[in-house]
Amino acid sequence: MAQFRRARRLDPIGVSEILTIGARAAEMKRQGAPVIILGAGEPDFDTPEHIKTAAAAAMQAGETKYTALGGSDALKQAVREKFRRDNVLCREFPAA
């Protein structure tokens, strides 16, 4: 099997700056520095079970495509309900 060789025309393209920053922050954290890594959007905890279950159910239901830019109607309704419930908002929001 042939060994992979990157095309020379790609040489000017370096490593993503955000990945470089993330690697540096991770190293600092390993050394004991009080670092909160916000770079690449990778949480430092496992996804909660109820979210994994909901994601699996959505995939099984065929919900695997991009939504409209503003999100699905179901998502927007869930967000409205969350704010009504958790933030004691009484005002009705338009259905957008």
PDB file of N, CA and C in Angstrom:
ATOM      1  N   MET A   1       0.833  -1.182   0.000  1.00  0.00           N
ATOM      2  CA  MET A   1       0.000   0.000   0.000  1.00  0.00           C
ATOM      3  C   MET A   1       0.883   1.253   0.000  1.00  0.00           C
ATOM      4  N   ALA A   2       0.544   2.215  -0.836  1.00  0.00           N
ATOM      5  CA  ALA A   2       1.327   3.441  -0.948  1.00  0.00           C
ATOM      6  C   ALA A   2       1.154   4.300   0.294  1.00  0.00           C
ATOM      7  N   GLN A   3       2.238   4.943   0.700  1.00  0.00           N
ATOM      8  CA  GLN A   3       2.192   5.842   1.854  1.00  0.00           C
ATOM      9  C   GLN A   3       1.571   7.169   1.427  1.00  0.00           C
ATOM     10  N   PHE A   4       0.757   7.733   2.287  1.00  0.00           N
ATOM     11  CA  PHE A   4       0.106   9.006   2.001  1.00  0.00           C
ATOM     12  C   PHE A   4       1.142  10.115   1.988  1.00  0.00           C
ATOM     13  N   ARG A   5       1.099  10.944   0.956  1.00  0.00           N
ATOM     14  CA  ARG A   5       1.948  12.125   0.881  1.00  0.00           C
ATOM     15  C   ARG A   5       1.065  13.314   0.558  1.00  0.00           C
ATOM     16  N   ARG A   6       1.190  14.332   1.347  1.00  0.00           N
ATOM     17  CA  ARG A   6       0.412  15.547   1.140  1.00  0.00           C
ATOM     18  C   ARG A   6       0.987  16.309  -0.053  1.00  0.00           C
ATOM     19  N   ALA A   7       0.114  16.861  -0.876  1.00  0.00           N
ATOM     20  CA  ALA A   7       0.557  17.631  -2.035  1.00  0.00           C
ATOM     21  C   ALA A   7       1.320  18.875  -1.580  1.00  0.00           C
ATOM     22  N   ARG A   8       2.399  19.208  -2.252  1.00  0.00           N
ATOM     23  CA  ARG A   8       3.227  20.365  -1.893  1.00  0.00           C
ATOM     24  C   ARG A   8       2.442  21.672  -1.953  1.00  0.00           C
ATOM     25  N   ARG A   9       1.447  21.742  -2.814  1.00  0.00           N
ATOM     26  CA  ARG A   9       0.683  22.990  -2.918  1.00  0.00           C
ATOM     27  C   ARG A   9      -0.086  23.296  -1.632  1.00  0.00           C
ATOM     28  N   LEU A  10      -0.176  22.320  -0.752  1.00  0.00           N
ATOM     29  CA  LEU A  10      -0.849  22.536   0.529  1.00  0.00           C
ATOM     30  C   LEU A  10       0.099  23.039   1.615  1.00  0.00           C
ATOM     31  N   ASP A  11       1.394  23.095   1.324  1.00  0.00           N
ATOM     32  CA  ASP A  11       2.375  23.528   2.329  1.00  0.00           C
ATOM     33  C   ASP A  11       2.063  24.887   2.966  1.00  0.00           C
ATOM     34  N   PRO A  12       1.581  25.874   2.190  1.00  0.00           N
ATOM     35  CA  PRO A  12       1.292  27.177   2.827  1.00  0.00           C
ATOM     36  C   PRO A  12       0.148  27.129   3.842  1.00  0.00           C
ATOM     37  N   ILE A  13      -0.635  26.079   3.801  1.00  0.00           N
ATOM     38  CA  ILE A  13      -1.758  25.967   4.737  1.00  0.00           C
ATOM     39  C   ILE A  13      -1.247  25.344   6.021  1.00  0.00           C
ATOM     40  N   GLY A  14      -1.252  26.120   7.075  1.00  0.00           N
ATOM     41  CA  GLY A  14      -0.739  25.634   8.353  1.00  0.00           C
ATOM     42  C   GLY A  14      -1.834  25.012   9.194  1.00  0.00           C
ATOM     43  N   VAL A  15      -1.480  24.716  10.413  1.00  0.00           N
ATOM     44  CA  VAL A  15      -2.432  24.174  11.372  1.00  0.00           C
ATOM     45  C   VAL A  15      -3.382  25.293  11.782  1.00  0.00           C
ATOM     46  N   SER A  16      -4.632  24.956  11.979  1.00  0.00           N
ATOM     47  CA  SER A  16      -5.626  25.923  12.415  1.00  0.00           C
ATOM     48  C   SER A  16      -5.166  26.611  13.701  1.00  0.00           C
ATOM     49  N   GLU A  17      -5.274  27.931  13.715  1.00  0.00           N
ATOM     50  CA  GLU A  17      -4.877  28.688  14.902  1.00  0.00           C
ATOM     51  C   GLU A  17      -5.686  28.270  16.123  1.00  0.00           C
ATOM     52  N   ILE A  18      -6.968  28.005  15.941  1.00  0.00           N
ATOM     53  CA  ILE A  18      -7.803  27.635  17.089  1.00  0.00           C
ATOM     54  C   ILE A  18      -7.355  26.296  17.663  1.00  0.00           C
ATOM     55  N   LEU A  19      -6.898  25.379  16.811  1.00  0.00           N
ATOM     56  CA  LEU A  19      -6.402  24.101  17.309  1.00  0.00           C
ATOM     57  C   LEU A  19      -5.068  24.280  18.032  1.00  0.00           C
ATOM     58  N   THR A  20      -4.237  25.178  17.532  1.00  0.00           N
ATOM     59  CA  THR A  20      -2.965  25.479  18.193  1.00  0.00           C
ATOM     60  C   THR A  20      -3.215  26.072  19.576  1.00  0.00           C
ATOM     61  N   ILE A  21      -4.134  27.012  19.655  1.00  0.00           N
ATOM     62  CA  ILE A  21      -4.480  27.629  20.937  1.00  0.00           C
ATOM     63  C   ILE A  21      -5.052  26.575  21.887  1.00  0.00           C
ATOM     64  N   GLY A  22      -5.926  25.719  21.379  1.00  0.00           N
ATOM     65  CA  GLY A  22      -6.517  24.670  22.205  1.00  0.00           C
ATOM     66  C   GLY A  22      -5.480  23.707  22.745  1.00  0.00           C
ATOM     67  N   ALA A  23      -4.507  23.340  21.906  1.00  0.00           N
ATOM     68  CA  ALA A  23      -3.450  22.427  22.347  1.00  0.00           C
ATOM     69  C   ALA A  23      -2.606  23.079  23.442  1.00  0.00           C
ATOM     70  N   ARG A  24      -2.319  24.352  23.282  1.00  0.00           N
ATOM     71  CA  ARG A  24      -1.538  25.076  24.302  1.00  0.00           C
ATOM     72  C   ARG A  24      -2.313  25.175  25.617  1.00  0.00           C
ATOM     73  N   ALA A  25      -3.581  25.475  25.520  1.00  0.00           N
ATOM     74  CA  ALA A  25      -4.413  25.572  26.726  1.00  0.00           C
ATOM     75  C   ALA A  25      -4.514  24.216  27.422  1.00  0.00           C
ATOM     76  N   ALA A  26      -4.659  23.141  26.637  1.00  0.00           N
ATOM     77  CA  ALA A  26      -4.736  21.796  27.219  1.00  0.00           C
ATOM     78  C   ALA A  26      -3.438  21.451  27.939  1.00  0.00           C
ATOM     79  N   GLU A  27      -2.308  21.816  27.348  1.00  0.00           N
ATOM     80  CA  GLU A  27      -1.013  21.574  27.985  1.00  0.00           C
ATOM     81  C   GLU A  27      -0.908  22.356  29.293  1.00  0.00           C
ATOM     82  N   MET A  28      -1.330  23.615  29.280  1.00  0.00           N
ATOM     83  CA  MET A  28      -1.296  24.419  30.499  1.00  0.00           C
ATOM     84  C   MET A  28      -2.174  23.795  31.580  1.00  0.00           C
ATOM     85  N   LYS A  29      -3.337  23.281  31.176  1.00  0.00           N
ATOM     86  CA  LYS A  29      -4.245  22.653  32.143  1.00  0.00           C
ATOM     87  C   LYS A  29      -3.601  21.396  32.738  1.00  0.00           C
ATOM     88  N   ARG A  30      -2.934  20.598  31.884  1.00  0.00           N
ATOM     89  CA  ARG A  30      -2.238  19.401  32.376  1.00  0.00           C
ATOM     90  C   ARG A  30      -1.151  19.771  33.381  1.00  0.00           C
ATOM     91  N   GLN A  31      -0.558  20.947  33.224  1.00  0.00           N
ATOM     92  CA  GLN A  31       0.492  21.404  34.130  1.00  0.00           C
ATOM     93  C   GLN A  31      -0.079  22.037  35.398  1.00  0.00           C
ATOM     94  N   GLY A  32      -1.407  22.085  35.500  1.00  0.00           N
ATOM     95  CA  GLY A  32      -2.037  22.580  36.715  1.00  0.00           C
ATOM     96  C   GLY A  32      -2.507  24.013  36.672  1.00  0.00           C
ATOM     97  N   ALA A  33      -2.373  24.673  35.532  1.00  0.00           N
ATOM     98  CA  ALA A  33      -2.836  26.063  35.426  1.00  0.00           C
ATOM     99  C   ALA A  33      -4.362  26.091  35.445  1.00  0.00           C
ATOM    100  N   PRO A  34      -4.951  27.094  36.077  1.00  0.00           N
ATOM    101  CA  PRO A  34      -6.419  27.188  36.126  1.00  0.00           C
ATOM    102  C   PRO A  34      -6.969  27.723  34.798  1.00  0.00           C
ATOM    103  N   VAL A  35      -7.047  26.855  33.806  1.00  0.00           N
ATOM    104  CA  VAL A  35      -7.418  27.239  32.445  1.00  0.00           C
ATOM    105  C   VAL A  35      -8.809  26.728  32.112  1.00  0.00           C
ATOM    106  N   ILE A  36      -9.594  27.582  31.505  1.00  0.00           N
ATOM    107  CA  ILE A  36     -10.878  27.171  30.929  1.00  0.00           C
ATOM    108  C   ILE A  36     -10.691  27.221  29.424  1.00  0.00           C
ATOM    109  N   ILE A  37     -10.816  26.086  28.762  1.00  0.00           N
ATOM    110  CA  ILE A  37     -10.553  26.007  27.330  1.00  0.00           C
ATOM    111  C   ILE A  37     -11.842  26.269  26.567  1.00  0.00           C
ATOM    112  N   LEU A  38     -11.887  27.360  25.841  1.00  0.00           N
ATOM    113  CA  LEU A  38     -13.073  27.744  25.083  1.00  0.00           C
ATOM    114  C   LEU A  38     -12.836  27.700  23.576  1.00  0.00           C
ATOM    115  N   GLY A  39     -11.694  27.220  23.142  1.00  0.00           N
ATOM    116  CA  GLY A  39     -11.288  27.295  21.752  1.00  0.00           C
ATOM    117  C   GLY A  39     -12.177  26.607  20.744  1.00  0.00           C
ATOM    118  N   ALA A  40     -12.140  25.313  20.684  1.00  0.00           N
ATOM    119  CA  ALA A  40     -12.781  24.578  19.599  1.00  0.00           C
ATOM    120  C   ALA A  40     -14.195  24.107  19.931  1.00  0.00           C
ATOM    121  N   GLY A  41     -14.736  24.527  21.044  1.00  0.00           N
ATOM    122  CA  GLY A  41     -16.089  24.119  21.382  1.00  0.00           C
ATOM    123  C   GLY A  41     -16.199  22.674  21.842  1.00  0.00           C
ATOM    124  N   GLU A  42     -15.124  22.121  22.348  1.00  0.00           N
ATOM    125  CA  GLU A  42     -15.118  20.750  22.843  1.00  0.00           C
ATOM    126  C   GLU A  42     -15.275  20.771  24.355  1.00  0.00           C
ATOM    127  N   PRO A  43     -16.409  20.315  24.876  1.00  0.00           N
ATOM    128  CA  PRO A  43     -16.562  20.314  26.335  1.00  0.00           C
ATOM    129  C   PRO A  43     -15.620  19.306  26.981  1.00  0.00           C
ATOM    130  N   ASP A  44     -15.306  19.529  28.252  1.00  0.00           N
ATOM    131  CA  ASP A  44     -14.426  18.613  28.965  1.00  0.00           C
ATOM    132  C   ASP A  44     -15.222  17.621  29.818  1.00  0.00           C
ATOM    133  N   PHE A  45     -16.462  17.371  29.400  1.00  0.00           N
ATOM    134  CA  PHE A  45     -17.308  16.399  30.090  1.00  0.00           C
ATOM    135  C   PHE A  45     -18.074  15.608  29.032  1.00  0.00           C
ATOM    136  N   ASP A  46     -18.529  14.427  29.413  1.00  0.00           N
ATOM    137  CA  ASP A  46     -19.278  13.578  28.495  1.00  0.00           C
ATOM    138  C   ASP A  46     -20.677  14.162  28.254  1.00  0.00           C
ATOM    139  N   THR A  47     -21.211  13.871  27.097  1.00  0.00           N
ATOM    140  CA  THR A  47     -22.573  14.303  26.782  1.00  0.00           C
ATOM    141  C   THR A  47     -23.545  13.593  27.725  1.00  0.00           C
ATOM    142  N   PRO A  48     -24.468  14.322  28.368  1.00  0.00           N
ATOM    143  CA  PRO A  48     -25.426  13.687  29.272  1.00  0.00           C
ATOM    144  C   PRO A  48     -26.268  12.624  28.555  1.00  0.00           C
ATOM    145  N   GLU A  49     -26.634  11.586  29.293  1.00  0.00           N
ATOM    146  CA  GLU A  49     -27.362  10.445  28.724  1.00  0.00           C
ATOM    147  C   GLU A  49     -28.660  10.852  28.036  1.00  0.00           C
ATOM    148  N   HIS A  50     -29.421  11.793  28.631  1.00  0.00           N
ATOM    149  CA  HIS A  50     -30.703  12.144  28.024  1.00  0.00           C
ATOM    150  C   HIS A  50     -30.500  12.806  26.659  1.00  0.00           C
ATOM    151  N   ILE A  51     -29.374  13.469  26.468  1.00  0.00           N
ATOM    152  CA  ILE A  51     -29.092  14.080  25.167  1.00  0.00           C
ATOM    153  C   ILE A  51     -28.675  13.012  24.167  1.00  0.00           C
ATOM    154  N   LYS A  52     -27.866  12.049  24.592  1.00  0.00           N
ATOM    155  CA  LYS A  52     -27.483  10.940  23.705  1.00  0.00           C
ATOM    156  C   LYS A  52     -28.724  10.165  23.259  1.00  0.00           C
ATOM    157  N   THR A  53     -29.622   9.909  24.205  1.00  0.00           N
ATOM    158  CA  THR A  53     -30.847   9.167  23.893  1.00  0.00           C
ATOM    159  C   THR A  53     -31.707   9.939  22.902  1.00  0.00           C
ATOM    160  N   ALA A  54     -31.864  11.243  23.132  1.00  0.00           N
ATOM    161  CA  ALA A  54     -32.668  12.068  22.230  1.00  0.00           C
ATOM    162  C   ALA A  54     -32.033  12.137  20.844  1.00  0.00           C
ATOM    163  N   ALA A  55     -30.709  12.237  20.780  1.00  0.00           N
ATOM    164  CA  ALA A  55     -30.024  12.288  19.483  1.00  0.00           C
ATOM    165  C   ALA A  55     -30.217  10.978  18.728  1.00  0.00           C
ATOM    166  N   ALA A  56     -30.095   9.850  19.426  1.00  0.00           N
ATOM    167  CA  ALA A  56     -30.283   8.544  18.785  1.00  0.00           C
ATOM    168  C   ALA A  56     -31.716   8.398  18.274  1.00  0.00           C
ATOM    169  N   ALA A  57     -32.691   8.832  19.071  1.00  0.00           N
ATOM    170  CA  ALA A  57     -34.097   8.746  18.656  1.00  0.00           C
ATOM    171  C   ALA A  57     -34.345   9.629  17.434  1.00  0.00           C
ATOM    172  N   ALA A  58     -33.757  10.811  17.414  1.00  0.00           N
ATOM    173  CA  ALA A  58     -33.930  11.713  16.270  1.00  0.00           C
ATOM    174  C   ALA A  58     -33.333  11.094  15.007  1.00  0.00           C
ATOM    175  N   MET A  59     -32.166  10.477  15.130  1.00  0.00           N
ATOM    176  CA  MET A  59     -31.554   9.834  13.960  1.00  0.00           C
ATOM    177  C   MET A  59     -32.413   8.677  13.470  1.00  0.00           C
ATOM    178  N   GLN A  60     -32.931   7.878  14.409  1.00  0.00           N
ATOM    179  CA  GLN A  60     -33.791   6.757  14.022  1.00  0.00           C
ATOM    180  C   GLN A  60     -35.063   7.241  13.332  1.00  0.00           C
ATOM    181  N   ALA A  61     -35.516   8.435  13.694  1.00  0.00           N
ATOM    182  CA  ALA A  61     -36.723   9.007  13.091  1.00  0.00           C
ATOM    183  C   ALA A  61     -36.424   9.696  11.756  1.00  0.00           C
ATOM    184  N   GLY A  62     -35.152   9.666  11.331  1.00  0.00           N
ATOM    185  CA  GLY A  62     -34.791  10.246  10.056  1.00  0.00           C
ATOM    186  C   GLY A  62     -34.488  11.733  10.111  1.00  0.00           C
ATOM    187  N   GLU A  63     -34.355  12.275  11.300  1.00  0.00           N
ATOM    188  CA  GLU A  63     -34.059  13.702  11.436  1.00  0.00           C
ATOM    189  C   GLU A  63     -32.551  13.907  11.360  1.00  0.00           C
ATOM    190  N   THR A  64     -32.023  13.760  10.140  1.00  0.00           N
ATOM    191  CA  THR A  64     -30.581  13.807   9.936  1.00  0.00           C
ATOM    192  C   THR A  64     -30.150  14.889   8.956  1.00  0.00           C
ATOM    193  N   LYS A  65     -31.058  15.734   8.564  1.00  0.00           N
ATOM    194  CA  LYS A  65     -30.744  16.784   7.589  1.00  0.00           C
ATOM    195  C   LYS A  65     -30.640  18.130   8.294  1.00  0.00           C
ATOM    196  N   TYR A  66     -30.049  19.093   7.602  1.00  0.00           N
ATOM    197  CA  TYR A  66     -29.994  20.450   8.132  1.00  0.00           C
ATOM    198  C   TYR A  66     -31.405  21.009   8.237  1.00  0.00           C
ATOM    199  N   THR A  67     -31.607  21.840   9.255  1.00  0.00           N
ATOM    200  CA  THR A  67     -32.895  22.521   9.390  1.00  0.00           C
ATOM    201  C   THR A  67     -32.822  23.851   8.654  1.00  0.00           C
ATOM    202  N   ALA A  68     -33.913  24.573   8.691  1.00  0.00           N
ATOM    203  CA  ALA A  68     -33.910  25.941   8.180  1.00  0.00           C
ATOM    204  C   ALA A  68     -32.897  26.740   8.996  1.00  0.00           C
ATOM    205  N   LEU A  69     -32.414  27.822   8.457  1.00  0.00           N
ATOM    206  CA  LEU A  69     -31.374  28.609   9.102  1.00  0.00           C
ATOM    207  C   LEU A  69     -31.735  28.996  10.536  1.00  0.00           C
ATOM    208  N   GLY A  70     -32.977  29.342  10.779  1.00  0.00           N
ATOM    209  CA  GLY A  70     -33.408  29.747  12.113  1.00  0.00           C
ATOM    210  C   GLY A  70     -33.752  28.589  13.029  1.00  0.00           C
ATOM    211  N   GLY A  71     -33.615  27.366  12.574  1.00  0.00           N
ATOM    212  CA  GLY A  71     -33.961  26.198  13.381  1.00  0.00           C
ATOM    213  C   GLY A  71     -35.355  25.694  13.059  1.00  0.00           C
ATOM    214  N   SER A  72     -35.666  24.501  13.494  1.00  0.00           N
ATOM    215  CA  SER A  72     -36.971  23.900  13.225  1.00  0.00           C
ATOM    216  C   SER A  72     -38.042  24.535  14.115  1.00  0.00           C
ATOM    217  N   ASP A  73     -39.287  24.400  13.693  1.00  0.00           N
ATOM    218  CA  ASP A  73     -40.390  24.919  14.510  1.00  0.00           C
ATOM    219  C   ASP A  73     -40.413  24.241  15.879  1.00  0.00           C
ATOM    220  N   ALA A  74     -40.129  22.926  15.909  1.00  0.00           N
ATOM    221  CA  ALA A  74     -40.125  22.197  17.185  1.00  0.00           C
ATOM    222  C   ALA A  74     -39.037  22.730  18.114  1.00  0.00           C
ATOM    223  N   LEU A  75     -37.867  23.032  17.572  1.00  0.00           N
ATOM    224  CA  LEU A  75     -36.792  23.580  18.393  1.00  0.00           C
ATOM    225  C   LEU A  75     -37.167  24.946  18.944  1.00  0.00           C
ATOM    226  N   LYS A  76     -37.703  25.800  18.100  1.00  0.00           N
ATOM    227  CA  LYS A  76     -38.081  27.140  18.563  1.00  0.00           C
ATOM    228  C   LYS A  76     -39.151  27.070  19.645  1.00  0.00           C
ATOM    229  N   GLN A  77     -40.108  26.152  19.492  1.00  0.00           N
ATOM    230  CA  GLN A  77     -41.146  25.990  20.513  1.00  0.00           C
ATOM    231  C   GLN A  77     -40.536  25.486  21.813  1.00  0.00           C
ATOM    232  N   ALA A  78     -39.593  24.552  21.721  1.00  0.00           N
ATOM    233  CA  ALA A  78     -38.934  24.026  22.925  1.00  0.00           C
ATOM    234  C   ALA A  78     -38.149  25.124  23.643  1.00  0.00           C
ATOM    235  N   VAL A  79     -37.492  25.998  22.889  1.00  0.00           N
ATOM    236  CA  VAL A  79     -36.740  27.102  23.491  1.00  0.00           C
ATOM    237  C   VAL A  79     -37.697  28.061  24.191  1.00  0.00           C
ATOM    238  N   ARG A  80     -38.825  28.381  23.534  1.00  0.00           N
ATOM    239  CA  ARG A  80     -39.811  29.262  24.168  1.00  0.00           C
ATOM    240  C   ARG A  80     -40.319  28.652  25.470  1.00  0.00           C
ATOM    241  N   GLU A  81     -40.633  27.363  25.443  1.00  0.00           N
ATOM    242  CA  GLU A  81     -41.123  26.686  26.648  1.00  0.00           C
ATOM    243  C   GLU A  81     -40.072  26.685  27.757  1.00  0.00           C
ATOM    244  N   LYS A  82     -38.815  26.459  27.384  1.00  0.00           N
ATOM    245  CA  LYS A  82     -37.736  26.457  28.371  1.00  0.00           C
ATOM    246  C   LYS A  82     -37.645  27.805  29.069  1.00  0.00           C
ATOM    247  N   PHE A  83     -37.713  28.891  28.300  1.00  0.00           N
ATOM    248  CA  PHE A  83     -37.611  30.218  28.910  1.00  0.00           C
ATOM    249  C   PHE A  83     -38.847  30.550  29.737  1.00  0.00           C
ATOM    250  N   ARG A  84     -40.005  30.120  29.302  1.00  0.00           N
ATOM    251  CA  ARG A  84     -41.208  30.333  30.127  1.00  0.00           C
ATOM    252  C   ARG A  84     -41.075  29.603  31.460  1.00  0.00           C
ATOM    253  N   ARG A  85     -40.621  28.350  31.387  1.00  0.00           N
ATOM    254  CA  ARG A  85     -40.524  27.514  32.578  1.00  0.00           C
ATOM    255  C   ARG A  85     -39.382  27.952  33.490  1.00  0.00           C
ATOM    256  N   ASP A  86     -38.165  28.069  32.969  1.00  0.00           N
ATOM    257  CA  ASP A  86     -36.978  28.290  33.788  1.00  0.00           C
ATOM    258  C   ASP A  86     -36.731  29.745  34.135  1.00  0.00           C
ATOM    259  N   ASN A  87     -37.264  30.654  33.356  1.00  0.00           N
ATOM    260  CA  ASN A  87     -37.009  32.067  33.591  1.00  0.00           C
ATOM    261  C   ASN A  87     -38.277  32.828  33.956  1.00  0.00           C
ATOM    262  N   VAL A  88     -39.344  32.097  34.216  1.00  0.00           N
ATOM    263  CA  VAL A  88     -40.614  32.647  34.648  1.00  0.00           C
ATOM    264  C   VAL A  88     -41.046  33.800  33.738  1.00  0.00           C
ATOM    265  N   LEU A  89     -40.990  33.552  32.471  1.00  0.00           N
ATOM    266  CA  LEU A  89     -41.434  34.546  31.506  1.00  0.00           C
ATOM    267  C   LEU A  89     -42.904  34.300  31.209  1.00  0.00           C
ATOM    268  N   CYS A  90     -43.711  35.297  31.386  1.00  0.00           N
ATOM    269  CA  CYS A  90     -45.139  35.163  31.168  1.00  0.00           C
ATOM    270  C   CYS A  90     -45.567  35.641  29.788  1.00  0.00           C
ATOM    271  N   ARG A  91     -44.759  36.493  29.208  1.00  0.00           N
ATOM    272  CA  ARG A  91     -45.084  37.072  27.911  1.00  0.00           C
ATOM    273  C   ARG A  91     -45.112  35.994  26.835  1.00  0.00           C
ATOM    274  N   GLU A  92     -46.069  36.053  25.966  1.00  0.00           N
ATOM    275  CA  GLU A  92     -46.154  35.131  24.841  1.00  0.00           C
ATOM    276  C   GLU A  92     -45.225  35.611  23.744  1.00  0.00           C
ATOM    277  N   PHE A  93     -44.448  34.710  23.182  1.00  0.00           N
ATOM    278  CA  PHE A  93     -43.565  35.050  22.076  1.00  0.00           C
ATOM    279  C   PHE A  93     -44.254  34.692  20.774  1.00  0.00           C
ATOM    280  N   PRO A  94     -44.060  35.478  19.736  1.00  0.00           N
ATOM    281  CA  PRO A  94     -44.660  35.137  18.438  1.00  0.00           C
ATOM    282  C   PRO A  94     -44.102  33.798  17.943  1.00  0.00           C
ATOM    283  N   ALA A  95     -44.893  33.102  17.171  1.00  0.00           N
ATOM    284  CA  ALA A  95     -44.495  31.782  16.679  1.00  0.00           C
ATOM    285  C   ALA A  95     -43.363  31.860  15.655  1.00  0.00           C
ATOM    286  N   ALA A  96     -42.990  33.052  15.226  1.00  0.00           N
ATOM    287  CA  ALA A  96     -41.879  33.281  14.299  1.00  0.00           C
ATOM    288  C   ALA A  96     -42.062  32.442  13.080  1.00  0.00           C
TER     289      ALA A  96
END
